[in-house]
């Protein structure tokens, strides 16, 4: 499904990262993959990369730094000439923006959360657009948590996810005529490094999903999410853009 496709994947931290599962599945399906990481996380990402089923380089990227975005685009142009797709798996919030601090969060903290978690989708897509546009087509896929409802403790990260969904729709509007499609995968809860920041929040979500999802839900199994992302990164999804694909065992579709 991804034979010969060249993909840039962000957000791999450890082998428990959803992005790791997607990178592993993409390699198994024939893709070439390059990862990005940032600062002190580079070493951790490098260790995870060595566990992937193929040789994968890790490039440094602070997605809020326009110079690093430009340097990444130049590196990928030099390396491959073009890329066929990218995975956006980037999010971040200061401690005062989550954890039931919603009413006390400062504007600067909320803005930082939005820039890192939502605006970065636009920044990354635009930086790499010249390497994806054209008849061959390109695919931008982002990881999401369903933003149609509010979650206690998720707070401004939830607002940022709503912004991510809107950003994806507008990117789909403006990048479609240039041959690039943009979609999100709204995943059910998983035992990822990011989830550990929310402690009992993650445990409660996992229990709730397992109880209510018609298909059931295993927080330790990233394969359904990886398969959906790989489909969206493949030519098989060539007629799909602006979508939020919910991979949550059907949780979103039932009231109880």
C-alpha atoms as a PDB file:
ATOM      1  CA  UNK A   1       0.000   0.000   0.000  1.00  0.00           C
ATOM      2  CA  UNK A   2       2.904   2.373   0.657  1.00  0.00           C
ATOM      3  CA  UNK A   3       5.511   0.802  -1.621  1.00  0.00           C
ATOM      4  CA  UNK A   4       7.938   3.499  -2.748  1.00  0.00           C
ATOM      5  CA  UNK A   5       6.231   6.250  -0.735  1.00  0.00           C
ATOM      6  CA  UNK A   6       8.491   8.674   1.108  1.00  0.00           C
ATOM      7  CA  UNK A   7       7.123   9.870   4.434  1.00  0.00           C
ATOM      8  CA  UNK A   8       8.164  12.344   7.113  1.00  0.00           C
ATOM      9  CA  UNK A   9       6.907  11.331  10.551  1.00  0.00           C
ATOM     10  CA  UNK A  10       6.962  13.587  13.605  1.00  0.00           C
ATOM     11  CA  UNK A  11       6.208  12.713  17.209  1.00  0.00           C
ATOM     12  CA  UNK A  12       8.105   9.460  17.779  1.00  0.00           C
ATOM     13  CA  UNK A  13       9.404   9.505  21.328  1.00  0.00           C
ATOM     14  CA  UNK A  14       9.392   5.929  22.616  1.00  0.00           C
ATOM     15  CA  UNK A  15       8.165   2.612  21.244  1.00  0.00           C
ATOM     16  CA  UNK A  16       4.843   3.350  22.983  1.00  0.00           C
ATOM     17  CA  UNK A  17       4.232   6.460  20.864  1.00  0.00           C
ATOM     18  CA  UNK A  18       1.400   6.260  18.370  1.00  0.00           C
ATOM     19  CA  UNK A  19       3.767   7.774  15.819  1.00  0.00           C
ATOM     20  CA  UNK A  20       6.152   4.857  16.406  1.00  0.00           C
ATOM     21  CA  UNK A  21       3.375   2.385  15.593  1.00  0.00           C
ATOM     22  CA  UNK A  22       2.542   4.315  12.434  1.00  0.00           C
ATOM     23  CA  UNK A  23       6.196   4.526  11.372  1.00  0.00           C
ATOM     24  CA  UNK A  24       6.612   0.783  11.949  1.00  0.00           C
ATOM     25  CA  UNK A  25       3.478  -0.055   9.951  1.00  0.00           C
ATOM     26  CA  UNK A  26       4.521   2.289   7.125  1.00  0.00           C
ATOM     27  CA  UNK A  27       7.926   0.626   6.866  1.00  0.00           C
ATOM     28  CA  UNK A  28       6.310  -2.809   6.781  1.00  0.00           C
ATOM     29  CA  UNK A  29       4.099  -1.575   3.935  1.00  0.00           C
ATOM     30  CA  UNK A  30       7.088  -0.502   1.856  1.00  0.00           C
ATOM     31  CA  UNK A  31       7.547   3.184   2.699  1.00  0.00           C
ATOM     32  CA  UNK A  32      10.784   5.051   3.268  1.00  0.00           C
ATOM     33  CA  UNK A  33      10.615   7.029   6.509  1.00  0.00           C
ATOM     34  CA  UNK A  34      12.446   9.919   8.145  1.00  0.00           C
ATOM     35  CA  UNK A  35      11.634  10.986  11.702  1.00  0.00           C
ATOM     36  CA  UNK A  36      11.916  14.343  13.424  1.00  0.00           C
ATOM     37  CA  UNK A  37      12.510  15.150  17.069  1.00  0.00           C
ATOM     38  CA  UNK A  38      13.610  18.103  19.134  1.00  0.00           C
ATOM     39  CA  UNK A  39      16.234  19.060  21.720  1.00  0.00           C
ATOM     40  CA  UNK A  40      16.865  16.563  24.506  1.00  0.00           C
ATOM     41  CA  UNK A  41      14.275  14.227  23.001  1.00  0.00           C
ATOM     42  CA  UNK A  42      16.546  13.553  20.024  1.00  0.00           C
ATOM     43  CA  UNK A  43      18.462  10.875  21.917  1.00  0.00           C
ATOM     44  CA  UNK A  44      15.258   9.137  23.072  1.00  0.00           C
ATOM     45  CA  UNK A  45      13.812   9.230  19.554  1.00  0.00           C
ATOM     46  CA  UNK A  46      17.088   7.833  18.212  1.00  0.00           C
ATOM     47  CA  UNK A  47      16.771   4.817  20.511  1.00  0.00           C
ATOM     48  CA  UNK A  48      13.195   4.248  19.355  1.00  0.00           C
ATOM     49  CA  UNK A  49      14.255   4.582  15.713  1.00  0.00           C
ATOM     50  CA  UNK A  50      16.711   1.711  16.136  1.00  0.00           C
ATOM     51  CA  UNK A  51      13.799  -0.526  17.121  1.00  0.00           C
ATOM     52  CA  UNK A  52      11.960   0.132  13.853  1.00  0.00           C
ATOM     53  CA  UNK A  53      11.981  -2.508  11.091  1.00  0.00           C
ATOM     54  CA  UNK A  54      14.386  -0.569   8.894  1.00  0.00           C
ATOM     55  CA  UNK A  55      17.109   2.070   8.956  1.00  0.00           C
ATOM     56  CA  UNK A  56      15.571   5.437   9.793  1.00  0.00           C
ATOM     57  CA  UNK A  57      17.246   8.807  10.272  1.00  0.00           C
ATOM     58  CA  UNK A  58      16.137  11.373  12.855  1.00  0.00           C
ATOM     59  CA  UNK A  59      16.270  15.065  11.970  1.00  0.00           C
ATOM     60  CA  UNK A  60      15.920  17.912  14.445  1.00  0.00           C
ATOM     61  CA  UNK A  61      12.829  20.093  14.235  1.00  0.00           C
ATOM     62  CA  UNK A  62      11.321  22.690  16.527  1.00  0.00           C
ATOM     63  CA  UNK A  63       8.048  23.213  14.712  1.00  0.00           C
ATOM     64  CA  UNK A  64       7.722  26.737  16.148  1.00  0.00           C
ATOM     65  CA  UNK A  65      11.066  27.809  14.610  1.00  0.00           C
ATOM     66  CA  UNK A  66      10.705  29.094  11.029  1.00  0.00           C
ATOM     67  CA  UNK A  67      14.416  28.645  10.366  1.00  0.00           C
ATOM     68  CA  UNK A  68      14.318  24.989  11.390  1.00  0.00           C
ATOM     69  CA  UNK A  69      11.238  24.420   9.239  1.00  0.00           C
ATOM     70  CA  UNK A  70      13.058  25.916   6.262  1.00  0.00           C
ATOM     71  CA  UNK A  71      16.153  23.823   6.988  1.00  0.00           C
ATOM     72  CA  UNK A  72      14.033  20.673   7.184  1.00  0.00           C
ATOM     73  CA  UNK A  73      12.458  21.419   3.815  1.00  0.00           C
ATOM     74  CA  UNK A  74      15.900  21.933   2.264  1.00  0.00           C
ATOM     75  CA  UNK A  75      17.199  18.703   3.784  1.00  0.00           C
ATOM     76  CA  UNK A  76      14.243  16.695   2.494  1.00  0.00           C
ATOM     77  CA  UNK A  77      14.570  18.282  -0.952  1.00  0.00           C
ATOM     78  CA  UNK A  78      18.243  17.357  -1.054  1.00  0.00           C
ATOM     79  CA  UNK A  79      17.591  13.859   0.252  1.00  0.00           C
ATOM     80  CA  UNK A  80      14.515  12.810  -1.729  1.00  0.00           C
ATOM     81  CA  UNK A  81      13.528  15.616  -4.088  1.00  0.00           C
ATOM     82  CA  UNK A  82       9.894  15.261  -3.018  1.00  0.00           C
ATOM     83  CA  UNK A  83       7.903  13.637  -0.241  1.00  0.00           C
ATOM     84  CA  UNK A  84       4.608  11.821  -0.544  1.00  0.00           C
ATOM     85  CA  UNK A  85       3.243  12.481   2.907  1.00  0.00           C
ATOM     86  CA  UNK A  86       3.784  13.614   6.448  1.00  0.00           C
ATOM     87  CA  UNK A  87       2.415  12.668   9.838  1.00  0.00           C
ATOM     88  CA  UNK A  88       1.763  15.442  12.341  1.00  0.00           C
ATOM     89  CA  UNK A  89       1.912  14.032  15.869  1.00  0.00           C
ATOM     90  CA  UNK A  90       2.890  17.133  17.806  1.00  0.00           C
ATOM     91  CA  UNK A  91       1.218  18.624  20.870  1.00  0.00           C
ATOM     92  CA  UNK A  92       2.273  20.448  23.988  1.00  0.00           C
ATOM     93  CA  UNK A  93       0.907  22.524  26.842  1.00  0.00           C
ATOM     94  CA  UNK A  94       2.288  24.266  29.887  1.00  0.00           C
ATOM     95  CA  UNK A  95       1.144  22.777  33.227  1.00  0.00           C
ATOM     96  CA  UNK A  96      -1.258  25.641  33.895  1.00  0.00           C
ATOM     97  CA  UNK A  97      -3.143  24.962  30.644  1.00  0.00           C
ATOM     98  CA  UNK A  98      -4.333  21.470  31.664  1.00  0.00           C
ATOM     99  CA  UNK A  99      -5.322  19.617  34.830  1.00  0.00           C
ATOM    100  CA  UNK A 100      -8.584  21.460  35.621  1.00  0.00           C
ATOM    101  CA  UNK A 101      -6.863  24.843  35.450  1.00  0.00           C
ATOM    102  CA  UNK A 102      -9.058  26.025  32.579  1.00  0.00           C
ATOM    103  CA  UNK A 103     -10.458  29.113  34.332  1.00  0.00           C
ATOM    104  CA  UNK A 104      -7.060  30.251  35.584  1.00  0.00           C
ATOM    105  CA  UNK A 105      -5.008  29.659  32.417  1.00  0.00           C
ATOM    106  CA  UNK A 106      -3.295  32.769  31.072  1.00  0.00           C
ATOM    107  CA  UNK A 107      -3.692  33.959  27.502  1.00  0.00           C
ATOM    108  CA  UNK A 108      -0.006  33.344  26.815  1.00  0.00           C
ATOM    109  CA  UNK A 109      -0.250  29.717  27.985  1.00  0.00           C
ATOM    110  CA  UNK A 110      -3.365  29.118  25.886  1.00  0.00           C
ATOM    111  CA  UNK A 111      -1.668  30.699  22.875  1.00  0.00           C
ATOM    112  CA  UNK A 112       1.416  28.531  23.353  1.00  0.00           C
ATOM    113  CA  UNK A 113      -0.755  25.407  23.501  1.00  0.00           C
ATOM    114  CA  UNK A 114      -2.493  26.425  20.269  1.00  0.00           C
ATOM    115  CA  UNK A 115       0.749  27.252  18.465  1.00  0.00           C
ATOM    116  CA  UNK A 116       2.420  23.951  19.308  1.00  0.00           C
ATOM    117  CA  UNK A 117      -0.621  21.684  18.986  1.00  0.00           C
ATOM    118  CA  UNK A 118      -2.660  23.212  16.144  1.00  0.00           C
ATOM    119  CA  UNK A 119      -0.920  26.017  14.243  1.00  0.00           C
ATOM    120  CA  UNK A 120       2.071  23.704  13.823  1.00  0.00           C
ATOM    121  CA  UNK A 121       0.000  21.580  11.412  1.00  0.00           C
ATOM    122  CA  UNK A 122      -0.212  24.576   9.105  1.00  0.00           C
ATOM    123  CA  UNK A 123       3.457  25.489   9.645  1.00  0.00           C
ATOM    124  CA  UNK A 124       4.679  22.006   8.785  1.00  0.00           C
ATOM    125  CA  UNK A 125       2.345  21.534   5.825  1.00  0.00           C
ATOM    126  CA  UNK A 126       3.247  24.889   4.267  1.00  0.00           C
ATOM    127  CA  UNK A 127       6.984  24.377   4.798  1.00  0.00           C
ATOM    128  CA  UNK A 128       6.868  21.047   2.947  1.00  0.00           C
ATOM    129  CA  UNK A 129       4.196  21.977   0.407  1.00  0.00           C
ATOM    130  CA  UNK A 130       6.675  22.535  -2.459  1.00  0.00           C
ATOM    131  CA  UNK A 131       7.840  18.933  -2.003  1.00  0.00           C
ATOM    132  CA  UNK A 132       4.319  17.465  -2.048  1.00  0.00           C
ATOM    133  CA  UNK A 133       2.264  19.474  -4.531  1.00  0.00           C
ATOM    134  CA  UNK A 134       1.599  18.395  -8.094  1.00  0.00           C
ATOM    135  CA  UNK A 135      -0.129  15.600  -9.970  1.00  0.00           C
ATOM    136  CA  UNK A 136       1.507  12.862  -7.892  1.00  0.00           C
ATOM    137  CA  UNK A 137      -0.326  14.238  -4.860  1.00  0.00           C
ATOM    138  CA  UNK A 138       0.666  14.395  -1.230  1.00  0.00           C
ATOM    139  CA  UNK A 139      -1.019  13.506   2.043  1.00  0.00           C
ATOM    140  CA  UNK A 140      -0.924  15.280   5.390  1.00  0.00           C
ATOM    141  CA  UNK A 141      -2.245  13.252   8.325  1.00  0.00           C
ATOM    142  CA  UNK A 142      -2.579  14.527  11.894  1.00  0.00           C
ATOM    143  CA  UNK A 143      -3.371  12.727  15.141  1.00  0.00           C
ATOM    144  CA  UNK A 144      -6.348  14.040  17.064  1.00  0.00           C
ATOM    145  CA  UNK A 145      -8.600  13.428  20.059  1.00  0.00           C
ATOM    146  CA  UNK A 146     -12.270  13.994  19.254  1.00  0.00           C
ATOM    147  CA  UNK A 147     -12.801  17.691  20.012  1.00  0.00           C
ATOM    148  CA  UNK A 148     -16.595  17.683  19.777  1.00  0.00           C
ATOM    149  CA  UNK A 149     -16.867  17.223  23.551  1.00  0.00           C
ATOM    150  CA  UNK A 150     -15.054  18.559  26.624  1.00  0.00           C
ATOM    151  CA  UNK A 151     -12.869  16.347  28.821  1.00  0.00           C
ATOM    152  CA  UNK A 152     -12.096  17.227  32.428  1.00  0.00           C
ATOM    153  CA  UNK A 153      -8.387  17.991  32.916  1.00  0.00           C
ATOM    154  CA  UNK A 154      -7.730  18.179  29.147  1.00  0.00           C
ATOM    155  CA  UNK A 155      -8.725  21.847  29.206  1.00  0.00           C
ATOM    156  CA  UNK A 156      -6.859  24.080  26.730  1.00  0.00           C
ATOM    157  CA  UNK A 157      -5.390  21.059  24.986  1.00  0.00           C
ATOM    158  CA  UNK A 158      -8.984  20.208  24.078  1.00  0.00           C
ATOM    159  CA  UNK A 159      -9.447  23.724  22.728  1.00  0.00           C
ATOM    160  CA  UNK A 160      -6.240  23.286  20.734  1.00  0.00           C
ATOM    161  CA  UNK A 161      -7.555  20.001  19.311  1.00  0.00           C
ATOM    162  CA  UNK A 162     -10.688  21.817  18.175  1.00  0.00           C
ATOM    163  CA  UNK A 163      -8.357  24.318  16.536  1.00  0.00           C
ATOM    164  CA  UNK A 164      -6.428  21.452  14.953  1.00  0.00           C
ATOM    165  CA  UNK A 165      -9.626  20.123  13.385  1.00  0.00           C
ATOM    166  CA  UNK A 166     -10.531  23.542  11.975  1.00  0.00           C
ATOM    167  CA  UNK A 167      -6.961  24.040  10.751  1.00  0.00           C
ATOM    168  CA  UNK A 168      -7.095  20.707   8.917  1.00  0.00           C
ATOM    169  CA  UNK A 169     -10.328  21.699   7.166  1.00  0.00           C
ATOM    170  CA  UNK A 170      -8.893  25.026   6.010  1.00  0.00           C
ATOM    171  CA  UNK A 171      -5.690  23.354   4.852  1.00  0.00           C
ATOM    172  CA  UNK A 172      -7.808  20.859   2.912  1.00  0.00           C
ATOM    173  CA  UNK A 173      -9.566  23.819   1.270  1.00  0.00           C
ATOM    174  CA  UNK A 174      -6.414  25.663   0.261  1.00  0.00           C
ATOM    175  CA  UNK A 175      -4.066  22.752  -0.461  1.00  0.00           C
ATOM    176  CA  UNK A 176      -6.533  20.597  -2.396  1.00  0.00           C
ATOM    177  CA  UNK A 177      -6.114  22.566  -5.641  1.00  0.00           C
ATOM    178  CA  UNK A 178      -2.367  21.985  -5.288  1.00  0.00           C
ATOM    179  CA  UNK A 179      -2.767  18.232  -5.082  1.00  0.00           C
ATOM    180  CA  UNK A 180      -2.396  17.810  -1.314  1.00  0.00           C
ATOM    181  CA  UNK A 181      -5.051  16.268   0.901  1.00  0.00           C
ATOM    182  CA  UNK A 182      -5.306  16.803   4.668  1.00  0.00           C
ATOM    183  CA  UNK A 183      -7.019  14.493   7.151  1.00  0.00           C
ATOM    184  CA  UNK A 184      -6.988  13.692  10.858  1.00  0.00           C
ATOM    185  CA  UNK A 185      -7.240  10.440  12.787  1.00  0.00           C
ATOM    186  CA  UNK A 186      -9.195  10.940  16.027  1.00  0.00           C
ATOM    187  CA  UNK A 187      -7.883   8.041  18.072  1.00  0.00           C
ATOM    188  CA  UNK A 188      -9.279   6.413  21.152  1.00  0.00           C
ATOM    189  CA  UNK A 189      -7.094   6.540  24.286  1.00  0.00           C
ATOM    190  CA  UNK A 190      -3.739   4.766  24.145  1.00  0.00           C
ATOM    191  CA  UNK A 191      -0.914   4.164  26.610  1.00  0.00           C
ATOM    192  CA  UNK A 192       1.458   6.707  25.118  1.00  0.00           C
ATOM    193  CA  UNK A 193       4.097   8.926  26.765  1.00  0.00           C
ATOM    194  CA  UNK A 194       1.731  11.882  26.351  1.00  0.00           C
ATOM    195  CA  UNK A 195      -1.055  10.037  28.160  1.00  0.00           C
ATOM    196  CA  UNK A 196       1.074   9.569  31.279  1.00  0.00           C
ATOM    197  CA  UNK A 197       0.935  13.328  31.828  1.00  0.00           C
ATOM    198  CA  UNK A 198      -2.754  12.984  32.687  1.00  0.00           C
ATOM    199  CA  UNK A 199      -2.528  10.043  35.128  1.00  0.00           C
ATOM    200  CA  UNK A 200      -6.018   9.127  36.353  1.00  0.00           C
ATOM    201  CA  UNK A 201      -7.559  10.984  33.404  1.00  0.00           C
ATOM    202  CA  UNK A 202      -6.023   8.394  31.075  1.00  0.00           C
ATOM    203  CA  UNK A 203      -7.118   5.505  33.300  1.00  0.00           C
ATOM    204  CA  UNK A 204     -10.691   6.782  33.418  1.00  0.00           C
ATOM    205  CA  UNK A 205     -10.808   7.228  29.648  1.00  0.00           C
ATOM    206  CA  UNK A 206      -9.437   3.751  29.078  1.00  0.00           C
ATOM    207  CA  UNK A 207     -12.052   2.172  31.364  1.00  0.00           C
ATOM    208  CA  UNK A 208     -14.863   4.196  29.803  1.00  0.00           C
ATOM    209  CA  UNK A 209     -13.821   3.310  26.234  1.00  0.00           C
ATOM    210  CA  UNK A 210     -13.502  -0.383  27.004  1.00  0.00           C
ATOM    211  CA  UNK A 211     -16.977  -0.382  28.550  1.00  0.00           C
ATOM    212  CA  UNK A 212     -18.824   1.614  25.887  1.00  0.00           C
ATOM    213  CA  UNK A 213     -17.097   1.089  22.537  1.00  0.00           C
ATOM    214  CA  UNK A 214     -19.196  -1.354  20.462  1.00  0.00           C
ATOM    215  CA  UNK A 215     -16.053  -2.955  19.030  1.00  0.00           C
ATOM    216  CA  UNK A 216     -14.230  -2.843  22.354  1.00  0.00           C
ATOM    217  CA  UNK A 217     -10.982  -0.961  22.830  1.00  0.00           C
ATOM    218  CA  UNK A 218      -7.467  -1.998  23.835  1.00  0.00           C
ATOM    219  CA  UNK A 219      -5.312   0.930  24.981  1.00  0.00           C
ATOM    220  CA  UNK A 220      -2.200  -1.195  24.363  1.00  0.00           C
ATOM    221  CA  UNK A 221      -2.979  -1.889  20.706  1.00  0.00           C
ATOM    222  CA  UNK A 222      -1.953   0.917  18.359  1.00  0.00           C
ATOM    223  CA  UNK A 223      -2.423  -1.203  15.225  1.00  0.00           C
ATOM    224  CA  UNK A 224      -5.956   0.017  14.330  1.00  0.00           C
ATOM    225  CA  UNK A 225      -4.786   3.614  14.541  1.00  0.00           C
ATOM    226  CA  UNK A 226      -1.630   2.900  12.547  1.00  0.00           C
ATOM    227  CA  UNK A 227      -3.601   1.091   9.844  1.00  0.00           C
ATOM    228  CA  UNK A 228      -5.987   4.029   9.427  1.00  0.00           C
ATOM    229  CA  UNK A 229      -3.119   6.525   9.252  1.00  0.00           C
ATOM    230  CA  UNK A 230      -1.295   4.415   6.664  1.00  0.00           C
ATOM    231  CA  UNK A 231      -4.463   4.222   4.571  1.00  0.00           C
ATOM    232  CA  UNK A 232      -4.769   8.012   4.629  1.00  0.00           C
ATOM    233  CA  UNK A 233      -1.089   8.351   3.712  1.00  0.00           C
ATOM    234  CA  UNK A 234      -1.552   5.976   0.770  1.00  0.00           C
ATOM    235  CA  UNK A 235      -2.912   6.613  -2.747  1.00  0.00           C
ATOM    236  CA  UNK A 236      -5.976   4.565  -1.746  1.00  0.00           C
ATOM    237  CA  UNK A 237      -7.292   7.683   0.038  1.00  0.00           C
ATOM    238  CA  UNK A 238      -6.834   9.914  -3.005  1.00  0.00           C
ATOM    239  CA  UNK A 239     -10.459  11.110  -2.936  1.00  0.00           C
ATOM    240  CA  UNK A 240     -10.561  11.933   0.779  1.00  0.00           C
ATOM    241  CA  UNK A 241      -9.664  15.267   2.343  1.00  0.00           C
ATOM    242  CA  UNK A 242     -10.892  17.454   5.187  1.00  0.00           C
ATOM    243  CA  UNK A 243     -11.997  14.399   7.191  1.00  0.00           C
ATOM    244  CA  UNK A 244     -11.662  13.498  10.853  1.00  0.00           C
ATOM    245  CA  UNK A 245     -11.587   9.699  10.802  1.00  0.00           C
ATOM    246  CA  UNK A 246     -12.572   8.340  14.209  1.00  0.00           C
ATOM    247  CA  UNK A 247     -10.684   5.192  15.143  1.00  0.00           C
ATOM    248  CA  UNK A 248     -12.179   4.594  18.569  1.00  0.00           C
ATOM    249  CA  UNK A 249     -14.034   1.285  18.411  1.00  0.00           C
ATOM    250  CA  UNK A 250     -17.261   3.191  17.683  1.00  0.00           C
ATOM    251  CA  UNK A 251     -17.255   4.986  21.061  1.00  0.00           C
ATOM    252  CA  UNK A 252     -18.301   8.300  19.512  1.00  0.00           C
ATOM    253  CA  UNK A 253     -21.422   6.797  17.929  1.00  0.00           C
ATOM    254  CA  UNK A 254     -23.221   5.555  21.071  1.00  0.00           C
ATOM    255  CA  UNK A 255     -24.734   7.362  24.051  1.00  0.00           C
ATOM    256  CA  UNK A 256     -24.373   4.469  26.514  1.00  0.00           C
END
